[in-house]
PDB file of N, CA and C in Angstrom:
ATOM      1  N   UNK A   1       7.922  -2.807   7.608  1.00  0.00           N
ATOM      2  CA  UNK A   1       7.681  -1.721   6.680  1.00  0.00           C
ATOM      3  C   UNK A   1       7.503  -2.315   5.286  1.00  0.00           C
ATOM      4  N   UNK A   2       6.513  -1.789   4.564  1.00  0.00           N
ATOM      5  CA  UNK A   2       6.334  -2.190   3.171  1.00  0.00           C
ATOM      6  C   UNK A   2       6.475  -0.957   2.291  1.00  0.00           C
ATOM      7  N   UNK A   3       6.776  -1.195   1.034  1.00  0.00           N
ATOM      8  CA  UNK A   3       7.006  -0.122   0.082  1.00  0.00           C
ATOM      9  C   UNK A   3       6.118  -0.351  -1.138  1.00  0.00           C
ATOM     10  N   UNK A   4       5.362   0.678  -1.517  1.00  0.00           N
ATOM     11  CA  UNK A   4       4.539   0.633  -2.721  1.00  0.00           C
ATOM     12  C   UNK A   4       5.199   1.558  -3.738  1.00  0.00           C
ATOM     13  N   UNK A   5       5.535   1.023  -4.899  1.00  0.00           N
ATOM     14  CA  UNK A   5       6.145   1.820  -5.958  1.00  0.00           C
ATOM     15  C   UNK A   5       5.117   2.038  -7.065  1.00  0.00           C
ATOM     16  N   UNK A   6       4.840   3.303  -7.343  1.00  0.00           N
ATOM     17  CA  UNK A   6       3.879   3.651  -8.399  1.00  0.00           C
ATOM     18  C   UNK A   6       4.165   5.095  -8.817  1.00  0.00           C
ATOM     19  N   UNK A   7       4.295   5.357 -10.118  1.00  0.00           N
ATOM     20  CA  UNK A   7       4.645   6.703 -10.561  1.00  0.00           C
ATOM     21  C   UNK A   7       3.484   7.700 -10.554  1.00  0.00           C
ATOM     22  N   UNK A   8       2.246   7.222 -10.520  1.00  0.00           N
ATOM     23  CA  UNK A   8       1.086   8.130 -10.552  1.00  0.00           C
ATOM     24  C   UNK A   8       0.093   7.764  -9.454  1.00  0.00           C
ATOM     25  N   UNK A   9      -0.815   8.679  -9.172  1.00  0.00           N
ATOM     26  CA  UNK A   9      -1.892   8.486  -8.202  1.00  0.00           C
ATOM     27  C   UNK A   9      -1.379   8.094  -6.816  1.00  0.00           C
ATOM     28  N   UNK A  10      -0.257   8.670  -6.414  1.00  0.00           N
ATOM     29  CA  UNK A  10       0.330   8.319  -5.125  1.00  0.00           C
ATOM     30  C   UNK A  10      -0.550   8.735  -3.954  1.00  0.00           C
ATOM     31  N   UNK A  11      -1.104   9.931  -4.006  1.00  0.00           N
ATOM     32  CA  UNK A  11      -1.964  10.389  -2.919  1.00  0.00           C
ATOM     33  C   UNK A  11      -3.203   9.505  -2.794  1.00  0.00           C
ATOM     34  N   UNK A  12      -3.720   9.060  -3.916  1.00  0.00           N
ATOM     35  CA  UNK A  12      -4.871   8.157  -3.932  1.00  0.00           C
ATOM     36  C   UNK A  12      -4.520   6.837  -3.239  1.00  0.00           C
ATOM     37  N   UNK A  13      -3.355   6.286  -3.549  1.00  0.00           N
ATOM     38  CA  UNK A  13      -2.921   5.027  -2.944  1.00  0.00           C
ATOM     39  C   UNK A  13      -2.721   5.194  -1.439  1.00  0.00           C
ATOM     40  N   UNK A  14      -2.090   6.276  -1.037  1.00  0.00           N
ATOM     41  CA  UNK A  14      -1.886   6.544   0.388  1.00  0.00           C
ATOM     42  C   UNK A  14      -3.231   6.596   1.106  1.00  0.00           C
ATOM     43  N   UNK A  15      -4.175   7.315   0.531  1.00  0.00           N
ATOM     44  CA  UNK A  15      -5.508   7.442   1.123  1.00  0.00           C
ATOM     45  C   UNK A  15      -6.194   6.079   1.256  1.00  0.00           C
ATOM     46  N   UNK A  16      -6.127   5.274   0.206  1.00  0.00           N
ATOM     47  CA  UNK A  16      -6.791   3.970   0.226  1.00  0.00           C
ATOM     48  C   UNK A  16      -6.199   3.051   1.294  1.00  0.00           C
ATOM     49  N   UNK A  17      -4.883   3.027   1.408  1.00  0.00           N
ATOM     50  CA  UNK A  17      -4.254   2.135   2.390  1.00  0.00           C
ATOM     51  C   UNK A  17      -4.458   2.626   3.816  1.00  0.00           C
ATOM     52  N   UNK A  18      -4.391   3.933   4.038  1.00  0.00           N
ATOM     53  CA  UNK A  18      -4.559   4.441   5.396  1.00  0.00           C
ATOM     54  C   UNK A  18      -5.985   4.302   5.909  1.00  0.00           C
ATOM     55  N   UNK A  19      -6.981   4.326   5.025  1.00  0.00           N
ATOM     56  CA  UNK A  19      -8.362   4.206   5.499  1.00  0.00           C
ATOM     57  C   UNK A  19      -8.819   2.744   5.620  1.00  0.00           C
ATOM     58  N   UNK A  20      -7.957   1.810   5.264  1.00  0.00           N
ATOM     59  CA  UNK A  20      -8.277   0.385   5.336  1.00  0.00           C
ATOM     60  C   UNK A  20      -8.572  -0.031   6.771  1.00  0.00           C
ATOM     61  N   UNK A  21      -9.712  -0.686   6.967  1.00  0.00           N
ATOM     62  CA  UNK A  21     -10.118  -1.146   8.292  1.00  0.00           C
ATOM     63  C   UNK A  21     -10.568  -2.594   8.223  1.00  0.00           C
ATOM     64  N   UNK A  22      -9.646  -3.474   7.950  1.00  0.00           N
ATOM     65  CA  UNK A  22      -9.989  -4.883   7.876  1.00  0.00           C
ATOM     66  C   UNK A  22      -8.940  -5.711   8.562  1.00  0.00           C
ATOM     67  N   UNK A  23      -9.202  -6.986   8.636  1.00  0.00           N
ATOM     68  CA  UNK A  23      -8.284  -7.934   9.261  1.00  0.00           C
ATOM     69  C   UNK A  23      -7.837  -7.395  10.622  1.00  0.00           C
ATOM     70  N   UNK A  24      -6.595  -7.572  10.988  1.00  0.00           N
ATOM     71  CA  UNK A  24      -6.142  -7.156  12.316  1.00  0.00           C
ATOM     72  C   UNK A  24      -4.893  -6.274  12.261  1.00  0.00           C
ATOM     73  N   UNK A  25      -4.769  -5.491  11.205  1.00  0.00           N
ATOM     74  CA  UNK A  25      -3.612  -4.592  11.097  1.00  0.00           C
ATOM     75  C   UNK A  25      -3.990  -3.336  10.334  1.00  0.00           C
ATOM     76  N   UNK A  26      -3.099  -2.332  10.409  1.00  0.00           N
ATOM     77  CA  UNK A  26      -3.332  -1.058   9.739  1.00  0.00           C
ATOM     78  C   UNK A  26      -2.068  -0.610   9.012  1.00  0.00           C
ATOM     79  N   UNK A  27      -2.273   0.195   7.980  1.00  0.00           N
ATOM     80  CA  UNK A  27      -1.170   0.807   7.245  1.00  0.00           C
ATOM     81  C   UNK A  27      -1.021   2.250   7.716  1.00  0.00           C
ATOM     82  N   UNK A  28       0.205   2.674   7.979  1.00  0.00           N
ATOM     83  CA  UNK A  28       0.481   4.053   8.370  1.00  0.00           C
ATOM     84  C   UNK A  28       1.542   4.607   7.427  1.00  0.00           C
ATOM     85  N   UNK A  29       1.191   5.655   6.684  1.00  0.00           N
ATOM     86  CA  UNK A  29       2.130   6.270   5.749  1.00  0.00           C
ATOM     87  C   UNK A  29       3.303   6.865   6.513  1.00  0.00           C
ATOM     88  N   UNK A  30       4.540   6.599   6.014  1.00  0.00           N
ATOM     89  CA  UNK A  30       5.753   7.079   6.670  1.00  0.00           C
ATOM     90  C   UNK A  30       6.443   8.149   5.838  1.00  0.00           C
ATOM     91  N   UNK A  31       6.775   7.822   4.572  1.00  0.00           N
ATOM     92  CA  UNK A  31       7.459   8.792   3.726  1.00  0.00           C
ATOM     93  C   UNK A  31       7.319   8.443   2.254  1.00  0.00           C
ATOM     94  N   UNK A  32       7.590   9.452   1.431  1.00  0.00           N
ATOM     95  CA  UNK A  32       7.537   9.275  -0.013  1.00  0.00           C
ATOM     96  C   UNK A  32       8.855   9.764  -0.592  1.00  0.00           C
ATOM     97  N   UNK A  33       9.483   8.931  -1.439  1.00  0.00           N
ATOM     98  CA  UNK A  33      10.715   9.310  -2.143  1.00  0.00           C
ATOM     99  C   UNK A  33      10.553   8.895  -3.592  1.00  0.00           C
ATOM    100  N   UNK A  34      10.453   9.857  -4.482  1.00  0.00           N
ATOM    101  CA  UNK A  34      10.268   9.533  -5.893  1.00  0.00           C
ATOM    102  C   UNK A  34       8.976   8.766  -6.093  1.00  0.00           C
ATOM    103  N   UNK A  35       9.074   7.559  -6.648  1.00  0.00           N
ATOM    104  CA  UNK A  35       7.872   6.762  -6.883  1.00  0.00           C
ATOM    105  C   UNK A  35       7.579   5.797  -5.733  1.00  0.00           C
ATOM    106  N   UNK A  36       8.404   5.809  -4.693  1.00  0.00           N
ATOM    107  CA  UNK A  36       8.240   4.877  -3.571  1.00  0.00           C
ATOM    108  C   UNK A  36       7.516   5.526  -2.403  1.00  0.00           C
ATOM    109  N   UNK A  37       6.525   4.824  -1.895  1.00  0.00           N
ATOM    110  CA  UNK A  37       5.794   5.241  -0.699  1.00  0.00           C
ATOM    111  C   UNK A  37       5.999   4.173   0.361  1.00  0.00           C
ATOM    112  N   UNK A  38       6.455   4.577   1.526  1.00  0.00           N
ATOM    113  CA  UNK A  38       6.723   3.622   2.593  1.00  0.00           C
ATOM    114  C   UNK A  38       5.608   3.676   3.636  1.00  0.00           C
ATOM    115  N   UNK A  39       5.212   2.493   4.069  1.00  0.00           N
ATOM    116  CA  UNK A  39       4.157   2.351   5.072  1.00  0.00           C
ATOM    117  C   UNK A  39       4.643   1.430   6.185  1.00  0.00           C
ATOM    118  N   UNK A  40       4.332   1.802   7.413  1.00  0.00           N
ATOM    119  CA  UNK A  40       4.585   0.882   8.516  1.00  0.00           C
ATOM    120  C   UNK A  40       3.296   0.080   8.709  1.00  0.00           C
ATOM    121  N   UNK A  41       3.456  -1.151   9.122  1.00  0.00           N
ATOM    122  CA  UNK A  41       2.303  -2.016   9.407  1.00  0.00           C
ATOM    123  C   UNK A  41       2.510  -2.640  10.782  1.00  0.00           C
ATOM    124  N   UNK A  42       1.426  -2.773  11.520  1.00  0.00           N
ATOM    125  CA  UNK A  42       1.530  -3.324  12.866  1.00  0.00           C
ATOM    126  C   UNK A  42       1.243  -4.830  12.868  1.00  0.00           C
ATOM    127  N   UNK A  43       1.972  -5.541  12.019  1.00  0.00           N
ATOM    128  CA  UNK A  43       1.849  -6.994  11.929  1.00  0.00           C
ATOM    129  C   UNK A  43       3.222  -7.558  11.568  1.00  0.00           C
ATOM    130  N   UNK A  44       3.552  -8.695  12.118  1.00  0.00           N
ATOM    131  CA  UNK A  44       4.846  -9.322  11.830  1.00  0.00           C
ATOM    132  C   UNK A  44       4.877  -9.973  10.447  1.00  0.00           C
ATOM    133  N   UNK A  45       3.754 -10.497  10.012  1.00  0.00           N
ATOM    134  CA  UNK A  45       3.672 -11.205   8.730  1.00  0.00           C
ATOM    135  C   UNK A  45       3.589 -10.199   7.579  1.00  0.00           C
ATOM    136  N   UNK A  46       4.745  -9.796   7.070  1.00  0.00           N
ATOM    137  CA  UNK A  46       4.793  -8.785   6.007  1.00  0.00           C
ATOM    138  C   UNK A  46       4.173  -9.292   4.704  1.00  0.00           C
ATOM    139  N   UNK A  47       4.246 -10.591   4.453  1.00  0.00           N
ATOM    140  CA  UNK A  47       3.637 -11.148   3.236  1.00  0.00           C
ATOM    141  C   UNK A  47       2.120 -10.950   3.252  1.00  0.00           C
ATOM    142  N   UNK A  48       1.523 -11.079   4.415  1.00  0.00           N
ATOM    143  CA  UNK A  48       0.076 -10.851   4.554  1.00  0.00           C
ATOM    144  C   UNK A  48      -0.252  -9.384   4.283  1.00  0.00           C
ATOM    145  N   UNK A  49       0.586  -8.470   4.781  1.00  0.00           N
ATOM    146  CA  UNK A  49       0.382  -7.038   4.553  1.00  0.00           C
ATOM    147  C   UNK A  49       0.566  -6.687   3.084  1.00  0.00           C
ATOM    148  N   UNK A  50       1.556  -7.287   2.441  1.00  0.00           N
ATOM    149  CA  UNK A  50       1.795  -7.044   1.015  1.00  0.00           C
ATOM    150  C   UNK A  50       0.600  -7.518   0.186  1.00  0.00           C
ATOM    151  N   UNK A  51       0.111  -8.712   0.485  1.00  0.00           N
ATOM    152  CA  UNK A  51      -1.045  -9.245  -0.243  1.00  0.00           C
ATOM    153  C   UNK A  51      -2.274  -8.371  -0.033  1.00  0.00           C
ATOM    154  N   UNK A  52      -2.465  -7.881   1.176  1.00  0.00           N
ATOM    155  CA  UNK A  52      -3.615  -7.013   1.460  1.00  0.00           C
ATOM    156  C   UNK A  52      -3.487  -5.692   0.710  1.00  0.00           C
ATOM    157  N   UNK A  53      -2.283  -5.105   0.681  1.00  0.00           N
ATOM    158  CA  UNK A  53      -2.088  -3.843  -0.033  1.00  0.00           C
ATOM    159  C   UNK A  53      -2.399  -4.006  -1.517  1.00  0.00           C
ATOM    160  N   UNK A  54      -1.924  -5.083  -2.111  1.00  0.00           N
ATOM    161  CA  UNK A  54      -2.216  -5.342  -3.528  1.00  0.00           C
ATOM    162  C   UNK A  54      -3.711  -5.484  -3.757  1.00  0.00           C
ATOM    163  N   UNK A  55      -4.366  -6.229  -2.889  1.00  0.00           N
ATOM    164  CA  UNK A  55      -5.810  -6.454  -3.012  1.00  0.00           C
ATOM    165  C   UNK A  55      -6.592  -5.141  -2.872  1.00  0.00           C
ATOM    166  N   UNK A  56      -6.195  -4.302  -1.920  1.00  0.00           N
ATOM    167  CA  UNK A  56      -6.874  -3.015  -1.693  1.00  0.00           C
ATOM    168  C   UNK A  56      -6.738  -2.114  -2.912  1.00  0.00           C
ATOM    169  N   UNK A  57      -5.532  -2.004  -3.445  1.00  0.00           N
ATOM    170  CA  UNK A  57      -5.295  -1.130  -4.598  1.00  0.00           C
ATOM    171  C   UNK A  57      -6.022  -1.651  -5.829  1.00  0.00           C
ATOM    172  N   UNK A  58      -5.949  -2.947  -6.078  1.00  0.00           N
ATOM    173  CA  UNK A  58      -6.606  -3.527  -7.255  1.00  0.00           C
ATOM    174  C   UNK A  58      -8.126  -3.424  -7.176  1.00  0.00           C
ATOM    175  N   UNK A  59      -8.678  -3.357  -5.971  1.00  0.00           N
ATOM    176  CA  UNK A  59     -10.134  -3.293  -5.798  1.00  0.00           C
ATOM    177  C   UNK A  59     -10.718  -1.906  -6.084  1.00  0.00           C
ATOM    178  N   UNK A  60      -9.870  -0.896  -6.246  1.00  0.00           N
ATOM    179  CA  UNK A  60     -10.371   0.453  -6.528  1.00  0.00           C
ATOM    180  C   UNK A  60     -10.778   0.568  -7.995  1.00  0.00           C
ATOM    181  N   UNK A  61     -11.457   1.661  -8.317  1.00  0.00           N
ATOM    182  CA  UNK A  61     -11.934   1.867  -9.682  1.00  0.00           C
ATOM    183  C   UNK A  61     -10.801   2.040 -10.689  1.00  0.00           C
ATOM    184  N   UNK A  62      -9.627   2.453 -10.244  1.00  0.00           N
ATOM    185  CA  UNK A  62      -8.495   2.612 -11.164  1.00  0.00           C
ATOM    186  C   UNK A  62      -7.391   1.581 -10.928  1.00  0.00           C
ATOM    187  N   UNK A  63      -7.551   0.747  -9.934  1.00  0.00           N
ATOM    188  CA  UNK A  63      -6.522  -0.209  -9.563  1.00  0.00           C
ATOM    189  C   UNK A  63      -6.148  -1.204 -10.644  1.00  0.00           C
ATOM    190  N   UNK A  64      -7.104  -1.554 -11.475  1.00  0.00           N
ATOM    191  CA  UNK A  64      -6.822  -2.549 -12.516  1.00  0.00           C
ATOM    192  C   UNK A  64      -5.946  -2.000 -13.643  1.00  0.00           C
ATOM    193  N   UNK A  65      -5.836  -0.675 -13.752  1.00  0.00           N
ATOM    194  CA  UNK A  65      -5.011  -0.091 -14.814  1.00  0.00           C
ATOM    195  C   UNK A  65      -3.716   0.542 -14.291  1.00  0.00           C
ATOM    196  N   UNK A  66      -3.546   0.564 -12.983  1.00  0.00           N
ATOM    197  CA  UNK A  66      -2.314   1.118 -12.407  1.00  0.00           C
ATOM    198  C   UNK A  66      -1.191   0.097 -12.478  1.00  0.00           C
ATOM    199  N   UNK A  67       0.006   0.586 -12.776  1.00  0.00           N
ATOM    200  CA  UNK A  67       1.191  -0.259 -12.704  1.00  0.00           C
ATOM    201  C   UNK A  67       1.846   0.061 -11.369  1.00  0.00           C
ATOM    202  N   UNK A  68       1.874  -0.922 -10.469  1.00  0.00           N
ATOM    203  CA  UNK A  68       2.471  -0.708  -9.158  1.00  0.00           C
ATOM    204  C   UNK A  68       3.124  -1.997  -8.672  1.00  0.00           C
ATOM    205  N   UNK A  69       3.983  -1.844  -7.679  1.00  0.00           N
ATOM    206  CA  UNK A  69       4.685  -2.975  -7.086  1.00  0.00           C
ATOM    207  C   UNK A  69       4.688  -2.779  -5.571  1.00  0.00           C
ATOM    208  N   UNK A  70       4.475  -3.863  -4.835  1.00  0.00           N
ATOM    209  CA  UNK A  70       4.499  -3.805  -3.376  1.00  0.00           C
ATOM    210  C   UNK A  70       5.575  -4.771  -2.885  1.00  0.00           C
ATOM    211  N   UNK A  71       6.518  -4.260  -2.098  1.00  0.00           N
ATOM    212  CA  UNK A  71       7.617  -5.078  -1.596  1.00  0.00           C
ATOM    213  C   UNK A  71       7.833  -4.825  -0.100  1.00  0.00           C
ATOM    214  N   UNK A  72       8.613  -5.702   0.516  1.00  0.00           N
ATOM    215  CA  UNK A  72       8.990  -5.494   1.906  1.00  0.00           C
ATOM    216  C   UNK A  72      10.236  -4.628   1.937  1.00  0.00           C
ATOM    217  N   UNK A  73      10.274  -3.729   2.878  1.00  0.00           N
ATOM    218  CA  UNK A  73      11.385  -2.782   2.962  1.00  0.00           C
ATOM    219  C   UNK A  73      12.171  -3.064   4.215  1.00  0.00           C
TER     220      UNK A  73
END
């Protein structure tokens, strides 16, 4: 499980990660508590999933101005 913390544009982030179709894993939204959004990933290498989540968010039109953090949960 990974956790994305961001105070704004949460629905946008959820949408971007869930529609991701690359590499050999997928993100599945689990729950939202405050600024934290939890996602399950079907890969053992959580560092790879964290790096991919950061890359996906930063690649969006607003990703470069969002303040967010991605951690393992």
